[in-house]
Amino acid sequence: MQFQIVGKNQLPEITNGFTDIFLFLFEPSDFLKAGVEKVYNSKLQQVDDFLWKITKPN
């Protein structure tokens, strides 16, 4: 398990080999949503009130 603290308007650094990536945040910014989609070709899926998962399309 690995943790990262990421500042506002920054993307988390995702290295190869990780499969389940979760973000703990109140509400994702438009910057974060767009960055995850563009840079990682993924989407954010809300799991719980403050828990989000980065998911790859099938």
PDB file of N, CA and C in Angstrom:
ATOM      1  N   MET A   1       0.844  -1.158   0.000  1.00  0.00           N
ATOM      2  CA  MET A   1       0.000   0.000   0.000  1.00  0.00           C
ATOM      3  C   MET A   1       0.897   1.232   0.000  1.00  0.00           C
ATOM      4  N   GLN A   2       0.488   2.247  -0.772  1.00  0.00           N
ATOM      5  CA  GLN A   2       1.262   3.478  -0.879  1.00  0.00           C
ATOM      6  C   GLN A   2       0.308   4.660  -0.805  1.00  0.00           C
ATOM      7  N   PHE A   3       0.741   5.730  -0.131  1.00  0.00           N
ATOM      8  CA  PHE A   3      -0.056   6.941   0.004  1.00  0.00           C
ATOM      9  C   PHE A   3       0.679   8.105  -0.628  1.00  0.00           C
ATOM     10  N   GLN A   4      -0.110   9.066  -1.166  1.00  0.00           N
ATOM     11  CA  GLN A   4       0.442  10.303  -1.704  1.00  0.00           C
ATOM     12  C   GLN A   4      -0.411  11.460  -1.211  1.00  0.00           C
ATOM     13  N   ILE A   5       0.228  12.569  -0.931  1.00  0.00           N
ATOM     14  CA  ILE A   5      -0.500  13.805  -0.660  1.00  0.00           C
ATOM     15  C   ILE A   5      -0.282  14.694  -1.874  1.00  0.00           C
ATOM     16  N   VAL A   6      -1.381  15.119  -2.476  1.00  0.00           N
ATOM     17  CA  VAL A   6      -1.306  15.884  -3.714  1.00  0.00           C
ATOM     18  C   VAL A   6      -1.962  17.241  -3.492  1.00  0.00           C
ATOM     19  N   GLY A   7      -1.284  18.295  -3.905  1.00  0.00           N
ATOM     20  CA  GLY A   7      -1.803  19.653  -3.763  1.00  0.00           C
ATOM     21  C   GLY A   7      -2.924  19.937  -4.744  1.00  0.00           C
ATOM     22  N   LYS A   8      -3.592  21.051  -4.504  1.00  0.00           N
ATOM     23  CA  LYS A   8      -4.683  21.475  -5.383  1.00  0.00           C
ATOM     24  C   LYS A   8      -4.127  21.697  -6.790  1.00  0.00           C
ATOM     25  N   ASN A   9      -4.903  21.300  -7.778  1.00  0.00           N
ATOM     26  CA  ASN A   9      -4.528  21.405  -9.188  1.00  0.00           C
ATOM     27  C   ASN A   9      -3.245  20.640  -9.519  1.00  0.00           C
ATOM     28  N   GLN A  10      -3.075  19.498  -8.861  1.00  0.00           N
ATOM     29  CA  GLN A  10      -2.004  18.569  -9.202  1.00  0.00           C
ATOM     30  C   GLN A  10      -2.623  17.187  -9.379  1.00  0.00           C
ATOM     31  N   LEU A  11      -2.028  16.408 -10.251  1.00  0.00           N
ATOM     32  CA  LEU A  11      -2.489  15.033 -10.464  1.00  0.00           C
ATOM     33  C   LEU A  11      -1.661  14.084  -9.613  1.00  0.00           C
ATOM     34  N   PRO A  12      -2.284  13.013  -9.118  1.00  0.00           N
ATOM     35  CA  PRO A  12      -1.492  12.006  -8.409  1.00  0.00           C
ATOM     36  C   PRO A  12      -0.548  11.320  -9.394  1.00  0.00           C
ATOM     37  N   GLU A  13       0.585  10.892  -8.905  1.00  0.00           N
ATOM     38  CA  GLU A  13       1.536  10.170  -9.743  1.00  0.00           C
ATOM     39  C   GLU A  13       1.202   8.684  -9.673  1.00  0.00           C
ATOM     40  N   ILE A  14       0.833   8.126 -10.809  1.00  0.00           N
ATOM     41  CA  ILE A  14       0.448   6.717 -10.867  1.00  0.00           C
ATOM     42  C   ILE A  14       1.523   5.963 -11.636  1.00  0.00           C
ATOM     43  N   THR A  15       2.172   5.037 -10.951  1.00  0.00           N
ATOM     44  CA  THR A  15       3.222   4.255 -11.590  1.00  0.00           C
ATOM     45  C   THR A  15       2.654   2.959 -12.144  1.00  0.00           C
ATOM     46  N   ASN A  16       3.387   2.369 -13.054  1.00  0.00           N
ATOM     47  CA  ASN A  16       2.956   1.094 -13.646  1.00  0.00           C
ATOM     48  C   ASN A  16       2.896   0.017 -12.572  1.00  0.00           C
ATOM     49  N   GLY A  17       1.944  -0.873 -12.713  1.00  0.00           N
ATOM     50  CA  GLY A  17       1.835  -1.990 -11.789  1.00  0.00           C
ATOM     51  C   GLY A  17       0.729  -1.832 -10.760  1.00  0.00           C
ATOM     52  N   PHE A  18       0.251  -0.613 -10.557  1.00  0.00           N
ATOM     53  CA  PHE A  18      -0.835  -0.423  -9.607  1.00  0.00           C
ATOM     54  C   PHE A  18      -2.166  -0.676 -10.300  1.00  0.00           C
ATOM     55  N   THR A  19      -3.039  -1.418  -9.640  1.00  0.00           N
ATOM     56  CA  THR A  19      -4.325  -1.745 -10.251  1.00  0.00           C
ATOM     57  C   THR A  19      -5.489  -1.054  -9.564  1.00  0.00           C
ATOM     58  N   ASP A  20      -5.503  -0.985  -8.251  1.00  0.00           N
ATOM     59  CA  ASP A  20      -6.596  -0.340  -7.523  1.00  0.00           C
ATOM     60  C   ASP A  20      -6.086   0.967  -6.935  1.00  0.00           C
ATOM     61  N   ILE A  21      -6.585   2.081  -7.468  1.00  0.00           N
ATOM     62  CA  ILE A  21      -6.129   3.398  -7.032  1.00  0.00           C
ATOM     63  C   ILE A  21      -7.331   4.172  -6.522  1.00  0.00           C
ATOM     64  N   PHE A  22      -7.245   4.614  -5.264  1.00  0.00           N
ATOM     65  CA  PHE A  22      -8.338   5.338  -4.623  1.00  0.00           C
ATOM     66  C   PHE A  22      -7.880   6.735  -4.236  1.00  0.00           C
ATOM     67  N   LEU A  23      -8.825   7.669  -4.288  1.00  0.00           N
ATOM     68  CA  LEU A  23      -8.580   9.044  -3.874  1.00  0.00           C
ATOM     69  C   LEU A  23      -9.556   9.387  -2.762  1.00  0.00           C
ATOM     70  N   PHE A  24      -9.056  10.052  -1.728  1.00  0.00           N
ATOM     71  CA  PHE A  24      -9.891  10.503  -0.628  1.00  0.00           C
ATOM     72  C   PHE A  24     -10.042  12.007  -0.782  1.00  0.00           C
ATOM     73  N   LEU A  25     -11.233  12.459  -1.180  1.00  0.00           N
ATOM     74  CA  LEU A  25     -11.464  13.885  -1.371  1.00  0.00           C
ATOM     75  C   LEU A  25     -12.939  14.212  -1.280  1.00  0.00           C
ATOM     76  N   PHE A  26     -13.213  15.467  -0.974  1.00  0.00           N
ATOM     77  CA  PHE A  26     -14.592  15.919  -0.800  1.00  0.00           C
ATOM     78  C   PHE A  26     -15.314  15.949  -2.138  1.00  0.00           C
ATOM     79  N   GLU A  27     -14.736  16.656  -3.078  1.00  0.00           N
ATOM     80  CA  GLU A  27     -15.319  16.735  -4.417  1.00  0.00           C
ATOM     81  C   GLU A  27     -14.184  16.969  -5.403  1.00  0.00           C
ATOM     82  N   PRO A  28     -14.050  16.124  -6.419  1.00  0.00           N
ATOM     83  CA  PRO A  28     -12.941  16.298  -7.365  1.00  0.00           C
ATOM     84  C   PRO A  28     -13.124  17.565  -8.196  1.00  0.00           C
ATOM     85  N   SER A  29     -12.035  18.281  -8.413  1.00  0.00           N
ATOM     86  CA  SER A  29     -12.079  19.494  -9.224  1.00  0.00           C
ATOM     87  C   SER A  29     -12.191  19.118 -10.699  1.00  0.00           C
ATOM     88  N   ASP A  30     -12.589  20.081 -11.500  1.00  0.00           N
ATOM     89  CA  ASP A  30     -12.642  19.858 -12.948  1.00  0.00           C
ATOM     90  C   ASP A  30     -11.245  19.551 -13.482  1.00  0.00           C
ATOM     91  N   PHE A  31     -10.225  20.194 -12.879  1.00  0.00           N
ATOM     92  CA  PHE A  31      -8.837  19.938 -13.273  1.00  0.00           C
ATOM     93  C   PHE A  31      -8.486  18.467 -13.054  1.00  0.00           C
ATOM     94  N   LEU A  32      -8.844  17.939 -11.899  1.00  0.00           N
ATOM     95  CA  LEU A  32      -8.531  16.542 -11.580  1.00  0.00           C
ATOM     96  C   LEU A  32      -9.277  15.594 -12.511  1.00  0.00           C
ATOM     97  N   LYS A  33     -10.559  15.834 -12.714  1.00  0.00           N
ATOM     98  CA  LYS A  33     -11.341  14.964 -13.607  1.00  0.00           C
ATOM     99  C   LYS A  33     -10.748  14.952 -15.010  1.00  0.00           C
ATOM    100  N   ALA A  34     -10.478  16.151 -15.554  1.00  0.00           N
ATOM    101  CA  ALA A  34      -9.951  16.248 -16.919  1.00  0.00           C
ATOM    102  C   ALA A  34      -8.558  15.637 -17.011  1.00  0.00           C
ATOM    103  N   GLY A  35      -7.728  15.861 -15.990  1.00  0.00           N
ATOM    104  CA  GLY A  35      -6.372  15.318 -16.000  1.00  0.00           C
ATOM    105  C   GLY A  35      -6.352  13.805 -15.945  1.00  0.00           C
ATOM    106  N   VAL A  36      -7.189  13.226 -15.104  1.00  0.00           N
ATOM    107  CA  VAL A  36      -7.264  11.763 -15.002  1.00  0.00           C
ATOM    108  C   VAL A  36      -7.722  11.173 -16.335  1.00  0.00           C
ATOM    109  N   GLU A  37      -8.699  11.820 -16.963  1.00  0.00           N
ATOM    110  CA  GLU A  37      -9.189  11.319 -18.251  1.00  0.00           C
ATOM    111  C   GLU A  37      -8.122  11.433 -19.338  1.00  0.00           C
ATOM    112  N   LYS A  38      -7.453  12.585 -19.397  1.00  0.00           N
ATOM    113  CA  LYS A  38      -6.497  12.827 -20.482  1.00  0.00           C
ATOM    114  C   LYS A  38      -5.165  12.114 -20.255  1.00  0.00           C
ATOM    115  N   VAL A  39      -4.582  12.269 -19.083  1.00  0.00           N
ATOM    116  CA  VAL A  39      -3.241  11.731 -18.828  1.00  0.00           C
ATOM    117  C   VAL A  39      -3.265  10.220 -18.609  1.00  0.00           C
ATOM    118  N   TYR A  40      -4.267   9.728 -17.877  1.00  0.00           N
ATOM    119  CA  TYR A  40      -4.294   8.306 -17.521  1.00  0.00           C
ATOM    120  C   TYR A  40      -5.354   7.510 -18.276  1.00  0.00           C
ATOM    121  N   ASN A  41      -6.077   8.163 -19.185  1.00  0.00           N
ATOM    122  CA  ASN A  41      -7.127   7.494 -19.955  1.00  0.00           C
ATOM    123  C   ASN A  41      -8.057   6.714 -19.028  1.00  0.00           C
ATOM    124  N   SER A  42      -8.503   7.384 -17.958  1.00  0.00           N
ATOM    125  CA  SER A  42      -9.330   6.753 -16.936  1.00  0.00           C
ATOM    126  C   SER A  42     -10.431   7.704 -16.499  1.00  0.00           C
ATOM    127  N   LYS A  43     -11.295   7.218 -15.633  1.00  0.00           N
ATOM    128  CA  LYS A  43     -12.389   8.024 -15.093  1.00  0.00           C
ATOM    129  C   LYS A  43     -12.391   7.906 -13.576  1.00  0.00           C
ATOM    130  N   LEU A  44     -13.048   8.884 -12.925  1.00  0.00           N
ATOM    131  CA  LEU A  44     -13.243   8.822 -11.479  1.00  0.00           C
ATOM    132  C   LEU A  44     -14.619   8.255 -11.190  1.00  0.00           C
ATOM    133  N   GLN A  45     -14.676   7.277 -10.322  1.00  0.00           N
ATOM    134  CA  GLN A  45     -15.940   6.653  -9.921  1.00  0.00           C
ATOM    135  C   GLN A  45     -16.100   6.844  -8.419  1.00  0.00           C
ATOM    136  N   GLN A  46     -17.234   7.424  -8.008  1.00  0.00           N
ATOM    137  CA  GLN A  46     -17.456   7.646  -6.577  1.00  0.00           C
ATOM    138  C   GLN A  46     -17.845   6.344  -5.910  1.00  0.00           C
ATOM    139  N   VAL A  47     -17.112   5.995  -4.837  1.00  0.00           N
ATOM    140  CA  VAL A  47     -17.336   4.759  -4.103  1.00  0.00           C
ATOM    141  C   VAL A  47     -18.160   5.023  -2.847  1.00  0.00           C
ATOM    142  N   ASP A  48     -17.851   6.117  -2.166  1.00  0.00           N
ATOM    143  CA  ASP A  48     -18.508   6.499  -0.919  1.00  0.00           C
ATOM    144  C   ASP A  48     -18.515   8.026  -0.868  1.00  0.00           C
ATOM    145  N   ASP A  49     -18.937   8.602   0.248  1.00  0.00           N
ATOM    146  CA  ASP A  49     -19.027  10.061   0.347  1.00  0.00           C
ATOM    147  C   ASP A  49     -17.731  10.761  -0.060  1.00  0.00           C
ATOM    148  N   PHE A  50     -16.599  10.290   0.425  1.00  0.00           N
ATOM    149  CA  PHE A  50     -15.324  10.943   0.165  1.00  0.00           C
ATOM    150  C   PHE A  50     -14.308  10.048  -0.532  1.00  0.00           C
ATOM    151  N   LEU A  51     -14.719   8.860  -0.942  1.00  0.00           N
ATOM    152  CA  LEU A  51     -13.801   7.903  -1.552  1.00  0.00           C
ATOM    153  C   LEU A  51     -14.109   7.750  -3.036  1.00  0.00           C
ATOM    154  N   TRP A  52     -13.095   7.943  -3.855  1.00  0.00           N
ATOM    155  CA  TRP A  52     -13.221   7.845  -5.310  1.00  0.00           C
ATOM    156  C   TRP A  52     -12.189   6.851  -5.821  1.00  0.00           C
ATOM    157  N   LYS A  53     -12.540   6.155  -6.899  1.00  0.00           N
ATOM    158  CA  LYS A  53     -11.636   5.171  -7.504  1.00  0.00           C
ATOM    159  C   LYS A  53     -11.341   5.585  -8.934  1.00  0.00           C
ATOM    160  N   ILE A  54     -10.084   5.460  -9.311  1.00  0.00           N
ATOM    161  CA  ILE A  54      -9.697   5.697 -10.706  1.00  0.00           C
ATOM    162  C   ILE A  54      -9.911   4.386 -11.450  1.00  0.00           C
ATOM    163  N   THR A  55     -10.765   4.434 -12.476  1.00  0.00           N
ATOM    164  CA  THR A  55     -11.092   3.221 -13.219  1.00  0.00           C
ATOM    165  C   THR A  55     -10.728   3.375 -14.688  1.00  0.00           C
ATOM    166  N   LYS A  56     -10.229   2.307 -15.271  1.00  0.00           N
ATOM    167  CA  LYS A  56      -9.917   2.270 -16.690  1.00  0.00           C
ATOM    168  C   LYS A  56     -11.121   1.742 -17.454  1.00  0.00           C
ATOM    169  N   PRO A  57     -11.361   2.281 -18.656  1.00  0.00           N
ATOM    170  CA  PRO A  57     -12.482   1.736 -19.454  1.00  0.00           C
ATOM    171  C   PRO A  57     -12.195   0.314 -19.885  1.00  0.00           C
ATOM    172  N   ASN A  58     -13.246  -0.460 -20.067  1.00  0.00           N
ATOM    173  CA  ASN A  58     -13.076  -1.876 -20.476  1.00  0.00           C
ATOM    174  C   ASN A  58     -12.733  -2.012 -21.901  1.00  0.00           C
TER     175      ASN A  58
END
